Amino acid sequence: MAYGLNEFCRESHDALARDNSPAGREVVRKNLEKLLTNQEFVEEVCGKDAPVGVTELYRDDELEFVVLAHVNDKPHASPPHDHGTSWAIYGQAKEYTDMSEFSRPDGGDSDGDVKIEHVKTYRLAPGQAGLYDIRAIHAIDYPARACFVRVTGRPLENEPRLRYDMDAGKAIFIANRSAS
């Protein structure tokens, strides 16, 4: 029997209940890669019959982490952003996502005038997952029909986050679902 969403959510809950640190999140990242090898799961949440947009697949009532499927019909590139006091794991299911990571030399987490620096860019291919810890600044760029499964440490609907405008040298607070 293939490793499925229920096993992934149960094992993620157990891992985070034991250790909700970067080490515990790394267990979740590896388990997400394992889940993405299940082609039936990938087709169910990202196939031709899957709804375009963001679909919540699971929300943990106790620990608050959320599992979301992102099915994107159009290409998109986000500005650099963070997920506030939440972490995020992006697991590529179809196509690819180019991930860019940035650093903030001042080490701050406030809005206003700020400089960030590009650290690296790499591609997540199907079956690969990347962990972006609390306040990790990153940007995503994907083609049409890209699909990824994202796990966040808490719901982001009301999580104050920062979006960075590199041209203006500004950090701007956002509280909506998308960094765009």
N, C-alpha and C. Protein backbone atom coordinates (compact mmCIF):
# COMPACT_ATOMS: atom_id res chain seq x y z
N MET A 1 0.84 -1.18 0.00
CA MET A 1 0.00 0.00 0.00
C MET A 1 0.89 1.24 0.00
N ALA A 2 0.55 2.19 -0.84
CA ALA A 2 1.36 3.41 -0.98
C ALA A 2 1.20 4.32 0.24
N TYR A 3 2.25 5.06 0.52
CA TYR A 3 2.26 6.06 1.58
C TYR A 3 1.31 7.18 1.17
N GLY A 4 0.29 7.44 1.98
CA GLY A 4 -0.75 8.40 1.61
C GLY A 4 -0.83 9.60 2.52
N LEU A 5 -1.79 10.45 2.22
CA LEU A 5 -1.98 11.69 2.97
C LEU A 5 -2.23 11.42 4.45
N ASN A 6 -3.05 10.42 4.77
CA ASN A 6 -3.35 10.14 6.18
C ASN A 6 -2.09 9.76 6.96
N GLU A 7 -1.24 8.91 6.36
CA GLU A 7 0.01 8.52 7.02
C GLU A 7 0.92 9.73 7.17
N PHE A 8 1.00 10.53 6.11
CA PHE A 8 1.84 11.73 6.16
C PHE A 8 1.40 12.66 7.29
N CYS A 9 0.11 12.91 7.39
CA CYS A 9 -0.39 13.84 8.41
C CYS A 9 -0.17 13.28 9.82
N ARG A 10 -0.41 11.98 10.00
CA ARG A 10 -0.19 11.36 11.31
C ARG A 10 1.29 11.41 11.70
N GLU A 11 2.17 11.05 10.76
CA GLU A 11 3.61 11.06 11.06
C GLU A 11 4.13 12.48 11.25
N SER A 12 3.57 13.44 10.52
CA SER A 12 3.98 14.84 10.70
C SER A 12 3.56 15.33 12.08
N HIS A 13 2.33 15.00 12.47
CA HIS A 13 1.86 15.37 13.80
C HIS A 13 2.79 14.79 14.87
N ASP A 14 3.09 13.51 14.76
CA ASP A 14 3.93 12.86 15.76
C ASP A 14 5.33 13.48 15.80
N ALA A 15 5.91 13.75 14.63
CA ALA A 15 7.26 14.34 14.57
C ALA A 15 7.27 15.72 15.20
N LEU A 16 6.27 16.54 14.89
CA LEU A 16 6.23 17.91 15.42
C LEU A 16 5.85 17.93 16.91
N ALA A 17 5.04 16.98 17.35
CA ALA A 17 4.71 16.90 18.77
C ALA A 17 5.96 16.55 19.59
N ARG A 18 6.84 15.73 19.03
CA ARG A 18 8.09 15.37 19.70
C ARG A 18 9.10 16.51 19.65
N ASP A 19 9.15 17.21 18.49
CA ASP A 19 10.23 18.18 18.28
C ASP A 19 9.81 19.19 17.22
N ASN A 20 9.21 20.31 17.66
CA ASN A 20 8.79 21.35 16.72
C ASN A 20 9.92 22.37 16.56
N SER A 21 11.07 21.86 16.13
CA SER A 21 12.25 22.67 15.85
C SER A 21 12.63 22.39 14.40
N PRO A 22 13.69 23.04 13.91
CA PRO A 22 14.11 22.72 12.54
C PRO A 22 14.35 21.22 12.31
N ALA A 23 14.80 20.49 13.31
CA ALA A 23 15.03 19.05 13.15
C ALA A 23 13.70 18.31 12.94
N GLY A 24 12.68 18.63 13.70
CA GLY A 24 11.37 18.01 13.53
C GLY A 24 10.75 18.38 12.19
N ARG A 25 10.94 19.63 11.77
CA ARG A 25 10.43 20.07 10.47
C ARG A 25 11.13 19.37 9.32
N GLU A 26 12.40 19.03 9.52
CA GLU A 26 13.14 18.29 8.51
C GLU A 26 12.54 16.89 8.33
N VAL A 27 12.05 16.29 9.40
CA VAL A 27 11.36 15.00 9.29
C VAL A 27 10.12 15.16 8.42
N VAL A 28 9.36 16.24 8.64
CA VAL A 28 8.17 16.50 7.85
C VAL A 28 8.56 16.70 6.38
N ARG A 29 9.64 17.43 6.11
CA ARG A 29 10.10 17.65 4.74
C ARG A 29 10.40 16.32 4.05
N LYS A 30 11.13 15.45 4.74
CA LYS A 30 11.46 14.14 4.16
C LYS A 30 10.20 13.31 3.93
N ASN A 31 9.26 13.37 4.86
CA ASN A 31 8.01 12.63 4.69
C ASN A 31 7.19 13.19 3.53
N LEU A 32 7.26 14.50 3.30
CA LEU A 32 6.55 15.08 2.16
C LEU A 32 7.16 14.56 0.85
N GLU A 33 8.46 14.44 0.80
CA GLU A 33 9.09 13.86 -0.39
C GLU A 33 8.61 12.41 -0.60
N LYS A 34 8.46 11.69 0.49
CA LYS A 34 7.95 10.31 0.41
C LYS A 34 6.52 10.31 -0.12
N LEU A 35 5.68 11.22 0.38
CA LEU A 35 4.29 11.31 -0.08
C LEU A 35 4.23 11.62 -1.57
N LEU A 36 5.13 12.46 -2.04
CA LEU A 36 5.11 12.87 -3.45
C LEU A 36 5.53 11.76 -4.41
N THR A 37 6.03 10.63 -3.88
CA THR A 37 6.31 9.47 -4.74
C THR A 37 5.04 8.69 -5.03
N ASN A 38 3.96 8.97 -4.30
CA ASN A 38 2.68 8.31 -4.50
C ASN A 38 1.96 9.00 -5.66
N GLN A 39 2.06 8.41 -6.84
CA GLN A 39 1.49 9.04 -8.04
C GLN A 39 -0.03 9.13 -8.00
N GLU A 40 -0.69 8.22 -7.31
CA GLU A 40 -2.15 8.33 -7.16
C GLU A 40 -2.51 9.57 -6.37
N PHE A 41 -1.77 9.83 -5.29
CA PHE A 41 -1.99 11.05 -4.51
C PHE A 41 -1.75 12.28 -5.37
N VAL A 42 -0.63 12.31 -6.09
CA VAL A 42 -0.29 13.47 -6.92
C VAL A 42 -1.39 13.72 -7.95
N GLU A 43 -1.89 12.67 -8.59
CA GLU A 43 -2.95 12.84 -9.59
C GLU A 43 -4.24 13.33 -8.93
N GLU A 44 -4.51 12.83 -7.73
CA GLU A 44 -5.74 13.24 -7.04
C GLU A 44 -5.73 14.73 -6.72
N VAL A 45 -4.62 15.25 -6.23
CA VAL A 45 -4.59 16.65 -5.78
C VAL A 45 -4.06 17.61 -6.83
N CYS A 46 -3.40 17.09 -7.88
CA CYS A 46 -2.78 17.97 -8.88
C CYS A 46 -3.09 17.56 -10.31
N GLY A 47 -3.89 16.56 -10.51
CA GLY A 47 -4.17 16.08 -11.86
C GLY A 47 -5.18 16.95 -12.59
N LYS A 48 -5.57 16.50 -13.78
CA LYS A 48 -6.44 17.29 -14.65
C LYS A 48 -7.81 17.57 -14.03
N ASP A 49 -8.25 16.75 -13.09
CA ASP A 49 -9.55 16.97 -12.45
C ASP A 49 -9.46 17.76 -11.13
N ALA A 50 -8.24 18.09 -10.72
CA ALA A 50 -8.05 18.84 -9.47
C ALA A 50 -8.43 20.31 -9.69
N PRO A 51 -9.03 20.93 -8.70
CA PRO A 51 -9.39 22.34 -8.85
C PRO A 51 -8.15 23.24 -8.92
N VAL A 52 -8.23 24.25 -9.79
CA VAL A 52 -7.16 25.23 -9.88
C VAL A 52 -7.24 26.13 -8.65
N GLY A 53 -6.10 26.50 -8.11
CA GLY A 53 -6.04 27.36 -6.93
C GLY A 53 -5.47 26.60 -5.76
N VAL A 54 -5.82 27.05 -4.57
CA VAL A 54 -5.31 26.47 -3.34
C VAL A 54 -6.42 25.66 -2.68
N THR A 55 -6.12 24.41 -2.36
CA THR A 55 -7.07 23.53 -1.68
C THR A 55 -6.47 23.06 -0.37
N GLU A 56 -7.18 23.27 0.71
CA GLU A 56 -6.71 22.76 2.00
C GLU A 56 -6.98 21.26 2.06
N LEU A 57 -5.91 20.51 2.29
CA LEU A 57 -6.03 19.05 2.37
C LEU A 57 -6.14 18.57 3.81
N TYR A 58 -5.56 19.32 4.74
CA TYR A 58 -5.55 18.89 6.14
C TYR A 58 -5.18 20.09 7.03
N ARG A 59 -5.81 20.16 8.20
CA ARG A 59 -5.47 21.16 9.21
C ARG A 59 -5.41 20.43 10.54
N ASP A 60 -4.27 20.50 11.21
CA ASP A 60 -4.09 19.82 12.49
C ASP A 60 -4.67 20.69 13.60
N ASP A 61 -5.70 20.20 14.26
CA ASP A 61 -6.38 20.98 15.29
C ASP A 61 -5.50 21.27 16.50
N GLU A 62 -4.62 20.36 16.83
CA GLU A 62 -3.77 20.53 18.02
C GLU A 62 -2.53 21.38 17.73
N LEU A 63 -1.79 21.03 16.69
CA LEU A 63 -0.51 21.69 16.42
C LEU A 63 -0.61 22.83 15.41
N GLU A 64 -1.74 22.95 14.74
CA GLU A 64 -2.06 24.03 13.80
C GLU A 64 -1.43 23.94 12.42
N PHE A 65 -0.58 22.95 12.13
CA PHE A 65 0.00 22.92 10.80
C PHE A 65 -1.07 22.61 9.76
N VAL A 66 -0.84 23.10 8.54
CA VAL A 66 -1.81 23.00 7.46
C VAL A 66 -1.12 22.41 6.23
N VAL A 67 -1.83 21.53 5.52
CA VAL A 67 -1.34 20.95 4.27
C VAL A 67 -2.23 21.47 3.15
N LEU A 68 -1.60 22.08 2.14
CA LEU A 68 -2.33 22.71 1.04
C LEU A 68 -1.81 22.20 -0.30
N ALA A 69 -2.72 22.02 -1.25
CA ALA A 69 -2.32 21.73 -2.63
C ALA A 69 -2.48 23.02 -3.43
N HIS A 70 -1.44 23.38 -4.16
CA HIS A 70 -1.45 24.57 -5.02
C HIS A 70 -1.40 24.10 -6.47
N VAL A 71 -2.50 24.27 -7.19
CA VAL A 71 -2.57 23.94 -8.61
C VAL A 71 -2.64 25.26 -9.36
N ASN A 72 -1.63 25.53 -10.15
CA ASN A 72 -1.48 26.84 -10.78
C ASN A 72 -1.67 26.73 -12.29
N ASP A 73 -2.69 27.41 -12.82
CA ASP A 73 -2.93 27.33 -14.25
C ASP A 73 -2.07 28.32 -15.04
N LYS A 74 -1.53 29.33 -14.38
CA LYS A 74 -0.72 30.35 -15.05
C LYS A 74 0.65 30.42 -14.40
N PRO A 75 1.65 30.88 -15.15
CA PRO A 75 2.97 31.07 -14.53
C PRO A 75 2.91 32.21 -13.53
N HIS A 76 3.83 32.19 -12.58
CA HIS A 76 3.84 33.23 -11.56
C HIS A 76 5.22 33.33 -10.92
N ALA A 77 5.60 34.54 -10.60
CA ALA A 77 6.82 34.78 -9.83
C ALA A 77 6.45 35.69 -8.67
N SER A 78 6.72 35.24 -7.45
CA SER A 78 6.39 36.05 -6.27
C SER A 78 7.56 36.97 -5.95
N PRO A 79 7.28 38.06 -5.25
CA PRO A 79 8.38 38.84 -4.71
C PRO A 79 8.98 38.09 -3.51
N PRO A 80 10.17 38.47 -3.08
CA PRO A 80 10.70 37.88 -1.85
C PRO A 80 9.71 38.13 -0.70
N HIS A 81 9.56 37.11 0.14
CA HIS A 81 8.63 37.21 1.27
C HIS A 81 9.02 36.20 2.34
N ASP A 82 8.43 36.36 3.51
CA ASP A 82 8.58 35.36 4.56
C ASP A 82 7.20 34.88 4.97
N HIS A 83 7.15 33.97 5.92
CA HIS A 83 5.87 33.48 6.42
C HIS A 83 5.70 33.85 7.89
N GLY A 84 6.31 34.98 8.27
CA GLY A 84 6.17 35.46 9.63
C GLY A 84 6.73 34.48 10.63
N THR A 85 5.95 34.21 11.66
CA THR A 85 6.40 33.28 12.70
C THR A 85 6.07 31.84 12.37
N SER A 86 5.64 31.61 11.14
CA SER A 86 5.39 30.24 10.66
C SER A 86 6.55 29.81 9.78
N TRP A 87 6.67 28.52 9.60
CA TRP A 87 7.60 27.94 8.64
C TRP A 87 6.78 27.39 7.49
N ALA A 88 7.45 27.05 6.40
CA ALA A 88 6.76 26.47 5.25
C ALA A 88 7.67 25.43 4.60
N ILE A 89 7.03 24.38 4.10
CA ILE A 89 7.72 23.36 3.31
C ILE A 89 6.99 23.27 1.99
N TYR A 90 7.71 23.49 0.90
CA TYR A 90 7.16 23.37 -0.44
C TYR A 90 7.60 22.03 -1.02
N GLY A 91 6.65 21.22 -1.45
CA GLY A 91 6.95 19.94 -2.08
C GLY A 91 6.44 19.94 -3.51
N GLN A 92 7.35 19.82 -4.46
CA GLN A 92 6.97 19.90 -5.86
C GLN A 92 6.29 18.62 -6.30
N ALA A 93 5.12 18.77 -6.93
CA ALA A 93 4.36 17.61 -7.40
C ALA A 93 4.39 17.49 -8.93
N LYS A 94 4.25 18.62 -9.63
CA LYS A 94 4.27 18.63 -11.10
C LYS A 94 5.03 19.86 -11.57
N GLU A 95 5.63 19.74 -12.75
CA GLU A 95 6.45 20.80 -13.34
C GLU A 95 7.63 21.11 -12.42
N TYR A 96 7.87 22.36 -12.11
CA TYR A 96 9.00 22.75 -11.25
C TYR A 96 8.70 24.10 -10.62
N THR A 97 9.45 24.43 -9.59
CA THR A 97 9.43 25.77 -9.00
C THR A 97 10.87 26.18 -8.77
N ASP A 98 11.23 27.35 -9.30
CA ASP A 98 12.55 27.92 -9.00
C ASP A 98 12.42 28.68 -7.69
N MET A 99 13.23 28.30 -6.73
CA MET A 99 13.22 28.89 -5.39
C MET A 99 14.44 29.79 -5.24
N SER A 100 14.23 30.99 -4.75
CA SER A 100 15.33 31.89 -4.44
C SER A 100 15.30 32.18 -2.95
N GLU A 101 16.48 32.19 -2.34
CA GLU A 101 16.60 32.49 -0.92
C GLU A 101 17.36 33.80 -0.75
N PHE A 102 16.99 34.54 0.29
CA PHE A 102 17.58 35.85 0.56
C PHE A 102 17.96 35.93 2.03
N SER A 103 18.88 36.84 2.34
CA SER A 103 19.22 37.11 3.73
C SER A 103 18.95 38.58 4.01
N ARG A 104 18.76 38.86 5.27
CA ARG A 104 18.54 40.23 5.73
C ARG A 104 19.68 40.58 6.66
N PRO A 105 20.67 41.33 6.16
CA PRO A 105 21.87 41.59 6.97
C PRO A 105 21.59 42.22 8.34
N ASP A 106 20.51 43.01 8.45
CA ASP A 106 20.24 43.64 9.74
C ASP A 106 19.62 42.66 10.75
N GLY A 107 19.24 41.45 10.27
CA GLY A 107 18.68 40.45 11.17
C GLY A 107 17.30 40.79 11.70
N GLY A 108 16.70 41.85 11.21
CA GLY A 108 15.43 42.32 11.74
C GLY A 108 14.23 41.59 11.19
N ASP A 109 13.07 41.94 11.74
CA ASP A 109 11.82 41.37 11.26
C ASP A 109 10.72 42.43 11.21
N SER A 110 11.12 43.69 11.03
CA SER A 110 10.14 44.78 10.97
C SER A 110 10.03 45.29 9.54
N ASP A 111 8.99 46.08 9.32
CA ASP A 111 8.80 46.66 8.00
C ASP A 111 9.58 47.96 7.89
N GLY A 112 9.48 48.59 6.73
CA GLY A 112 10.17 49.86 6.50
C GLY A 112 11.37 49.69 5.59
N ASP A 113 12.29 50.64 5.68
CA ASP A 113 13.49 50.60 4.86
C ASP A 113 14.37 49.44 5.28
N VAL A 114 14.72 48.61 4.31
CA VAL A 114 15.53 47.43 4.61
C VAL A 114 16.20 46.95 3.32
N LYS A 115 17.35 46.38 3.49
CA LYS A 115 18.07 45.79 2.38
C LYS A 115 18.10 44.28 2.59
N ILE A 116 17.82 43.53 1.52
CA ILE A 116 18.00 42.09 1.56
C ILE A 116 18.97 41.71 0.45
N GLU A 117 19.61 40.57 0.63
CA GLU A 117 20.60 40.11 -0.34
C GLU A 117 20.23 38.72 -0.84
N HIS A 118 20.36 38.54 -2.16
CA HIS A 118 20.12 37.25 -2.78
C HIS A 118 21.22 36.29 -2.34
N VAL A 119 20.84 35.10 -1.89
CA VAL A 119 21.80 34.09 -1.44
C VAL A 119 21.98 33.02 -2.51
N LYS A 120 20.86 32.44 -2.99
CA LYS A 120 20.96 31.39 -4.00
C LYS A 120 19.60 31.16 -4.65
N THR A 121 19.65 30.54 -5.83
CA THR A 121 18.46 30.12 -6.55
C THR A 121 18.68 28.68 -7.00
N TYR A 122 17.64 27.87 -6.90
CA TYR A 122 17.72 26.47 -7.31
C TYR A 122 16.32 26.02 -7.70
N ARG A 123 16.25 24.89 -8.35
CA ARG A 123 14.98 24.36 -8.85
C ARG A 123 14.53 23.18 -8.02
N LEU A 124 13.25 23.21 -7.61
CA LEU A 124 12.61 22.04 -7.03
C LEU A 124 11.91 21.30 -8.16
N ALA A 125 12.32 20.07 -8.38
CA ALA A 125 11.73 19.20 -9.39
C ALA A 125 10.70 18.30 -8.70
N PRO A 126 9.82 17.65 -9.47
CA PRO A 126 8.84 16.76 -8.84
C PRO A 126 9.50 15.76 -7.90
N GLY A 127 8.91 15.67 -6.70
CA GLY A 127 9.42 14.77 -5.67
C GLY A 127 10.37 15.42 -4.69
N GLN A 128 10.80 16.66 -4.97
CA GLN A 128 11.70 17.35 -4.06
C GLN A 128 10.92 18.35 -3.20
N ALA A 129 11.40 18.54 -1.98
CA ALA A 129 10.77 19.49 -1.06
C ALA A 129 11.83 20.35 -0.41
N GLY A 130 11.47 21.61 -0.17
CA GLY A 130 12.38 22.55 0.49
C GLY A 130 11.73 23.12 1.73
N LEU A 131 12.53 23.28 2.79
CA LEU A 131 12.08 23.82 4.08
C LEU A 131 12.52 25.27 4.20
N TYR A 132 11.58 26.15 4.55
CA TYR A 132 11.84 27.58 4.75
C TYR A 132 11.36 27.89 6.16
N ASP A 133 12.31 28.04 7.05
CA ASP A 133 11.99 28.14 8.47
C ASP A 133 11.41 29.51 8.80
N ILE A 134 11.13 29.72 10.05
CA ILE A 134 10.53 30.96 10.54
C ILE A 134 11.37 32.14 10.07
N ARG A 135 10.69 33.11 9.46
CA ARG A 135 11.29 34.35 8.92
C ARG A 135 12.25 34.14 7.76
N ALA A 136 12.34 32.93 7.21
CA ALA A 136 13.20 32.69 6.04
C ALA A 136 12.62 33.43 4.84
N ILE A 137 13.42 34.26 4.22
CA ILE A 137 12.98 35.06 3.08
C ILE A 137 13.25 34.25 1.81
N HIS A 138 12.20 34.11 1.00
CA HIS A 138 12.30 33.32 -0.21
C HIS A 138 11.34 33.88 -1.27
N ALA A 139 11.55 33.48 -2.51
CA ALA A 139 10.66 33.84 -3.61
C ALA A 139 10.47 32.60 -4.47
N ILE A 140 9.30 32.50 -5.10
CA ILE A 140 9.01 31.35 -5.94
C ILE A 140 8.70 31.82 -7.36
N ASP A 141 9.05 30.98 -8.33
CA ASP A 141 8.82 31.27 -9.74
C ASP A 141 8.51 29.94 -10.42
N TYR A 142 7.30 29.83 -11.00
CA TYR A 142 6.90 28.56 -11.59
C TYR A 142 6.16 28.79 -12.91
N PRO A 143 6.14 27.75 -13.77
CA PRO A 143 5.43 27.85 -15.05
C PRO A 143 3.95 27.47 -14.88
N ALA A 144 3.20 27.66 -15.95
CA ALA A 144 1.80 27.23 -15.97
C ALA A 144 1.74 25.72 -15.70
N ARG A 145 0.70 25.33 -14.99
CA ARG A 145 0.41 23.94 -14.62
C ARG A 145 1.36 23.37 -13.58
N ALA A 146 2.16 24.22 -12.97
CA ALA A 146 2.99 23.75 -11.86
C ALA A 146 2.07 23.45 -10.68
N CYS A 147 2.43 22.46 -9.91
CA CYS A 147 1.66 22.09 -8.73
C CYS A 147 2.62 21.74 -7.62
N PHE A 148 2.35 22.25 -6.43
CA PHE A 148 3.13 21.87 -5.26
C PHE A 148 2.22 21.69 -4.07
N VAL A 149 2.69 20.91 -3.13
CA VAL A 149 2.00 20.71 -1.86
C VAL A 149 2.81 21.49 -0.83
N ARG A 150 2.15 22.38 -0.12
CA ARG A 150 2.83 23.22 0.86
C ARG A 150 2.30 22.91 2.25
N VAL A 151 3.21 22.76 3.18
CA VAL A 151 2.85 22.56 4.59
C VAL A 151 3.32 23.81 5.32
N THR A 152 2.42 24.43 6.08
CA THR A 152 2.81 25.59 6.88
C THR A 152 2.62 25.27 8.36
N GLY A 153 3.42 25.88 9.18
CA GLY A 153 3.39 25.62 10.61
C GLY A 153 2.12 26.07 11.29
N ARG A 154 1.40 26.98 10.65
CA ARG A 154 0.11 27.47 11.15
C ARG A 154 -0.63 28.06 9.96
N PRO A 155 -1.93 28.30 10.09
CA PRO A 155 -2.66 28.95 9.00
C PRO A 155 -2.09 30.35 8.77
N LEU A 156 -1.95 30.74 7.53
CA LEU A 156 -1.34 32.03 7.22
C LEU A 156 -2.35 33.15 6.99
N GLU A 157 -3.64 32.84 7.04
CA GLU A 157 -4.65 33.84 6.73
C GLU A 157 -4.48 35.12 7.55
N ASN A 158 -4.14 34.98 8.82
CA ASN A 158 -4.01 36.15 9.68
C ASN A 158 -2.60 36.30 10.24
N GLU A 159 -1.65 35.64 9.62
CA GLU A 159 -0.26 35.70 10.07
C GLU A 159 0.42 36.93 9.45
N PRO A 160 0.86 37.88 10.26
CA PRO A 160 1.58 39.02 9.69
C PRO A 160 2.91 38.55 9.10
N ARG A 161 3.08 38.86 7.82
CA ARG A 161 4.27 38.45 7.09
C ARG A 161 4.86 39.65 6.39
N LEU A 162 6.05 39.48 5.86
CA LEU A 162 6.70 40.57 5.15
C LEU A 162 6.89 40.22 3.69
N ARG A 163 6.61 41.19 2.83
CA ARG A 163 6.93 41.13 1.40
C ARG A 163 7.99 42.19 1.17
N TYR A 164 8.99 41.85 0.38
CA TYR A 164 10.12 42.75 0.16
C TYR A 164 10.10 43.30 -1.25
N ASP A 165 10.22 44.63 -1.35
CA ASP A 165 10.37 45.31 -2.62
C ASP A 165 11.84 45.67 -2.74
N MET A 166 12.57 44.88 -3.51
CA MET A 166 14.02 45.06 -3.59
C MET A 166 14.38 46.37 -4.28
N ASP A 167 13.59 46.79 -5.28
CA ASP A 167 13.89 48.04 -5.99
C ASP A 167 13.74 49.25 -5.08
N ALA A 168 12.71 49.25 -4.25
CA ALA A 168 12.47 50.37 -3.35
C ALA A 168 13.22 50.23 -2.03
N GLY A 169 13.76 49.03 -1.75
CA GLY A 169 14.44 48.81 -0.48
C GLY A 169 13.49 48.86 0.70
N LYS A 170 12.32 48.24 0.53
CA LYS A 170 11.28 48.29 1.57
C LYS A 170 10.80 46.88 1.92
N ALA A 171 10.41 46.74 3.18
CA ALA A 171 9.69 45.57 3.66
C ALA A 171 8.29 46.05 4.02
N ILE A 172 7.29 45.33 3.53
CA ILE A 172 5.89 45.73 3.71
C ILE A 172 5.13 44.61 4.40
N PHE A 173 4.41 44.92 5.48
CA PHE A 173 3.61 43.90 6.15
C PHE A 173 2.44 43.50 5.27
N ILE A 174 2.15 42.21 5.20
CA ILE A 174 1.00 41.67 4.51
C ILE A 174 0.31 40.71 5.46
N ALA A 175 -0.98 40.54 5.27
CA ALA A 175 -1.72 39.61 6.11
C ALA A 175 -2.70 38.79 5.30
N ASN A 176 -2.60 38.83 3.98
CA ASN A 176 -3.51 38.04 3.17
C ASN A 176 -2.91 36.71 2.81
N ARG A 177 -3.60 35.93 2.01
CA ARG A 177 -3.19 34.57 1.71
C ARG A 177 -1.93 34.50 0.84
N SER A 178 -1.71 35.47 -0.05
CA SER A 178 -0.61 35.41 -1.00
C SER A 178 0.37 36.55 -0.79
N ALA A 179 1.64 36.26 -1.01
CA ALA A 179 2.66 37.31 -0.89
C ALA A 179 2.61 38.26 -2.07
N SER A 180 1.92 37.90 -3.14
CA SER A 180 1.84 38.75 -4.32
C SER A 180 0.85 39.86 -4.09
